[in-house]
Amino acid sequence: EIFEVAKELQSLTTSGPAALGGSMLLVDLAGADYDHRGGEAQKESTAINKSLLALKECFRALSL
């Protein structure tokens, strides 16, 4: 789940209108912390968690 918060500020200055804006993305990276199921369900949970970890590392690298 991704939620975006965007804000734009506008003001008048002596040199004319000025705008400042930005946005922030909130990403829900919830995965299965512990899965007591076995077989294919456990393998699927493990694969999802690995993908979420890779996505988290991408966001971390982009934020530097």
N, C-alpha and C. Protein backbone atom coordinates (compact mmCIF):
# COMPACT_ATOMS: atom_id res chain seq x y z
N GLU A 1 0.84 -1.17 0.00
CA GLU A 1 0.00 0.00 0.00
C GLU A 1 0.89 1.23 0.00
N ILE A 2 0.58 2.20 -0.85
CA ILE A 2 1.36 3.43 -0.96
C ILE A 2 0.43 4.62 -0.73
N PHE A 3 0.87 5.54 0.11
CA PHE A 3 0.10 6.73 0.43
C PHE A 3 1.00 7.93 0.20
N GLU A 4 0.52 8.90 -0.58
CA GLU A 4 1.33 10.08 -0.88
C GLU A 4 0.72 11.31 -0.22
N VAL A 5 1.58 12.10 0.43
CA VAL A 5 1.20 13.37 1.01
C VAL A 5 1.93 14.45 0.23
N ALA A 6 1.19 15.37 -0.34
CA ALA A 6 1.80 16.44 -1.13
C ALA A 6 1.35 17.79 -0.57
N LYS A 7 2.24 18.74 -0.57
CA LYS A 7 1.95 20.08 -0.05
C LYS A 7 2.63 21.10 -0.94
N GLU A 8 1.91 22.16 -1.26
CA GLU A 8 2.49 23.24 -2.04
C GLU A 8 2.16 24.55 -1.34
N LEU A 9 3.17 25.37 -1.16
CA LEU A 9 3.02 26.68 -0.54
C LEU A 9 3.26 27.74 -1.59
N GLN A 10 2.39 28.72 -1.64
CA GLN A 10 2.55 29.82 -2.57
C GLN A 10 2.50 31.12 -1.80
N SER A 11 3.34 32.05 -2.19
CA SER A 11 3.33 33.36 -1.55
C SER A 11 3.72 34.42 -2.57
N LEU A 12 3.38 35.64 -2.24
CA LEU A 12 3.78 36.77 -3.09
C LEU A 12 5.00 37.42 -2.48
N THR A 13 5.98 37.65 -3.31
CA THR A 13 7.19 38.34 -2.87
C THR A 13 7.33 39.61 -3.69
N THR A 14 8.29 40.41 -3.35
CA THR A 14 8.50 41.64 -4.10
C THR A 14 8.89 41.36 -5.55
N SER A 15 9.46 40.20 -5.79
CA SER A 15 9.85 39.85 -7.16
C SER A 15 8.77 39.04 -7.88
N GLY A 16 7.62 38.86 -7.25
CA GLY A 16 6.53 38.12 -7.89
C GLY A 16 6.14 36.90 -7.08
N PRO A 17 5.27 36.06 -7.65
CA PRO A 17 4.83 34.87 -6.92
C PRO A 17 5.96 33.86 -6.75
N ALA A 18 5.95 33.19 -5.63
CA ALA A 18 6.94 32.14 -5.36
C ALA A 18 6.20 30.90 -4.88
N ALA A 19 6.70 29.76 -5.25
CA ALA A 19 6.07 28.50 -4.85
C ALA A 19 7.13 27.56 -4.32
N LEU A 20 6.76 26.81 -3.33
CA LEU A 20 7.62 25.80 -2.73
C LEU A 20 6.75 24.59 -2.47
N GLY A 21 7.20 23.44 -2.86
CA GLY A 21 6.38 22.25 -2.68
C GLY A 21 7.21 21.01 -2.47
N GLY A 22 6.54 19.98 -2.09
CA GLY A 22 7.20 18.70 -1.89
C GLY A 22 6.18 17.61 -1.66
N SER A 23 6.63 16.40 -1.64
CA SER A 23 5.75 15.28 -1.36
C SER A 23 6.50 14.23 -0.59
N MET A 24 5.74 13.39 0.08
CA MET A 24 6.32 12.31 0.87
C MET A 24 5.49 11.06 0.59
N LEU A 25 6.17 9.97 0.29
CA LEU A 25 5.50 8.70 0.06
C LEU A 25 5.65 7.82 1.29
N LEU A 26 4.54 7.28 1.74
CA LEU A 26 4.54 6.32 2.84
C LEU A 26 4.23 4.95 2.24
N VAL A 27 5.11 3.99 2.45
CA VAL A 27 4.96 2.67 1.85
C VAL A 27 4.84 1.64 2.94
N ASP A 28 3.79 0.85 2.88
CA ASP A 28 3.58 -0.22 3.85
C ASP A 28 4.34 -1.45 3.37
N LEU A 29 5.38 -1.81 4.09
CA LEU A 29 6.20 -2.96 3.72
C LEU A 29 5.94 -4.14 4.65
N ALA A 30 4.72 -4.26 5.13
CA ALA A 30 4.39 -5.34 6.07
C ALA A 30 4.51 -6.70 5.38
N GLY A 31 5.18 -7.59 6.02
CA GLY A 31 5.32 -8.95 5.53
C GLY A 31 4.98 -9.92 6.65
N ALA A 32 5.16 -11.18 6.40
CA ALA A 32 4.90 -12.18 7.42
C ALA A 32 6.17 -12.33 8.27
N ASP A 33 6.13 -11.84 9.50
CA ASP A 33 7.30 -11.95 10.37
C ASP A 33 7.60 -13.40 10.72
N TYR A 34 6.56 -14.14 10.99
CA TYR A 34 6.74 -15.56 11.29
C TYR A 34 5.56 -16.30 10.70
N ASP A 35 5.84 -17.29 9.93
CA ASP A 35 4.78 -18.06 9.30
C ASP A 35 4.91 -19.50 9.75
N HIS A 36 3.94 -19.95 10.51
CA HIS A 36 4.00 -21.31 11.05
C HIS A 36 3.43 -22.34 10.08
N ARG A 37 2.94 -21.87 8.92
CA ARG A 37 2.45 -22.81 7.92
C ARG A 37 3.65 -23.49 7.26
N GLY A 38 3.40 -24.60 6.67
CA GLY A 38 4.49 -25.32 6.01
C GLY A 38 4.28 -25.38 4.52
N GLY A 39 5.22 -25.99 3.85
CA GLY A 39 5.09 -26.25 2.42
C GLY A 39 5.14 -25.01 1.56
N GLU A 40 4.27 -24.99 0.55
CA GLU A 40 4.25 -23.92 -0.45
C GLU A 40 3.89 -22.57 0.17
N ALA A 41 3.00 -22.54 1.15
CA ALA A 41 2.61 -21.27 1.78
C ALA A 41 3.81 -20.62 2.46
N GLN A 42 4.62 -21.41 3.11
CA GLN A 42 5.81 -20.88 3.79
C GLN A 42 6.83 -20.39 2.75
N LYS A 43 6.99 -21.12 1.66
CA LYS A 43 7.91 -20.69 0.61
C LYS A 43 7.45 -19.37 -0.01
N GLU A 44 6.14 -19.24 -0.19
CA GLU A 44 5.61 -18.01 -0.75
C GLU A 44 5.84 -16.83 0.20
N SER A 45 5.62 -17.03 1.50
CA SER A 45 5.86 -15.97 2.48
C SER A 45 7.33 -15.57 2.50
N THR A 46 8.22 -16.54 2.40
CA THR A 46 9.65 -16.26 2.37
C THR A 46 10.02 -15.43 1.14
N ALA A 47 9.46 -15.78 -0.01
CA ALA A 47 9.74 -15.04 -1.24
C ALA A 47 9.22 -13.61 -1.15
N ILE A 48 8.02 -13.43 -0.58
CA ILE A 48 7.45 -12.09 -0.42
C ILE A 48 8.34 -11.26 0.48
N ASN A 49 8.78 -11.82 1.59
CA ASN A 49 9.63 -11.08 2.52
C ASN A 49 10.96 -10.69 1.88
N LYS A 50 11.53 -11.56 1.07
CA LYS A 50 12.79 -11.23 0.38
C LYS A 50 12.56 -10.08 -0.59
N SER A 51 11.43 -10.10 -1.31
CA SER A 51 11.11 -9.01 -2.24
C SER A 51 10.91 -7.70 -1.51
N LEU A 52 10.23 -7.73 -0.36
CA LEU A 52 10.00 -6.52 0.42
C LEU A 52 11.31 -5.97 0.96
N LEU A 53 12.22 -6.84 1.35
CA LEU A 53 13.53 -6.39 1.83
C LEU A 53 14.29 -5.69 0.70
N ALA A 54 14.24 -6.25 -0.50
CA ALA A 54 14.91 -5.63 -1.65
C ALA A 54 14.30 -4.27 -1.95
N LEU A 55 12.98 -4.16 -1.88
CA LEU A 55 12.31 -2.88 -2.11
C LEU A 55 12.70 -1.86 -1.06
N LYS A 56 12.77 -2.29 0.19
CA LYS A 56 13.18 -1.39 1.27
C LYS A 56 14.59 -0.86 1.03
N GLU A 57 15.49 -1.72 0.58
CA GLU A 57 16.86 -1.29 0.33
C GLU A 57 16.92 -0.31 -0.85
N CYS A 58 16.04 -0.47 -1.84
CA CYS A 58 15.98 0.49 -2.95
C CYS A 58 15.55 1.86 -2.44
N PHE A 59 14.52 1.90 -1.60
CA PHE A 59 14.07 3.17 -1.03
C PHE A 59 15.17 3.79 -0.16
N ARG A 60 15.86 2.98 0.59
CA ARG A 60 16.93 3.48 1.43
C ARG A 60 18.04 4.11 0.58
N ALA A 61 18.39 3.44 -0.51
CA ALA A 61 19.45 3.97 -1.39
C ALA A 61 19.01 5.27 -2.05
N LEU A 62 17.75 5.39 -2.43
CA LEU A 62 17.23 6.59 -3.07
C LEU A 62 17.17 7.77 -2.10
N SER A 63 17.09 7.50 -0.81
CA SER A 63 16.93 8.57 0.16
C SER A 63 18.26 9.19 0.58
N LEU A 64 19.38 8.64 0.13
CA LEU A 64 20.69 9.16 0.52
C LEU A 64 21.05 10.41 -0.23
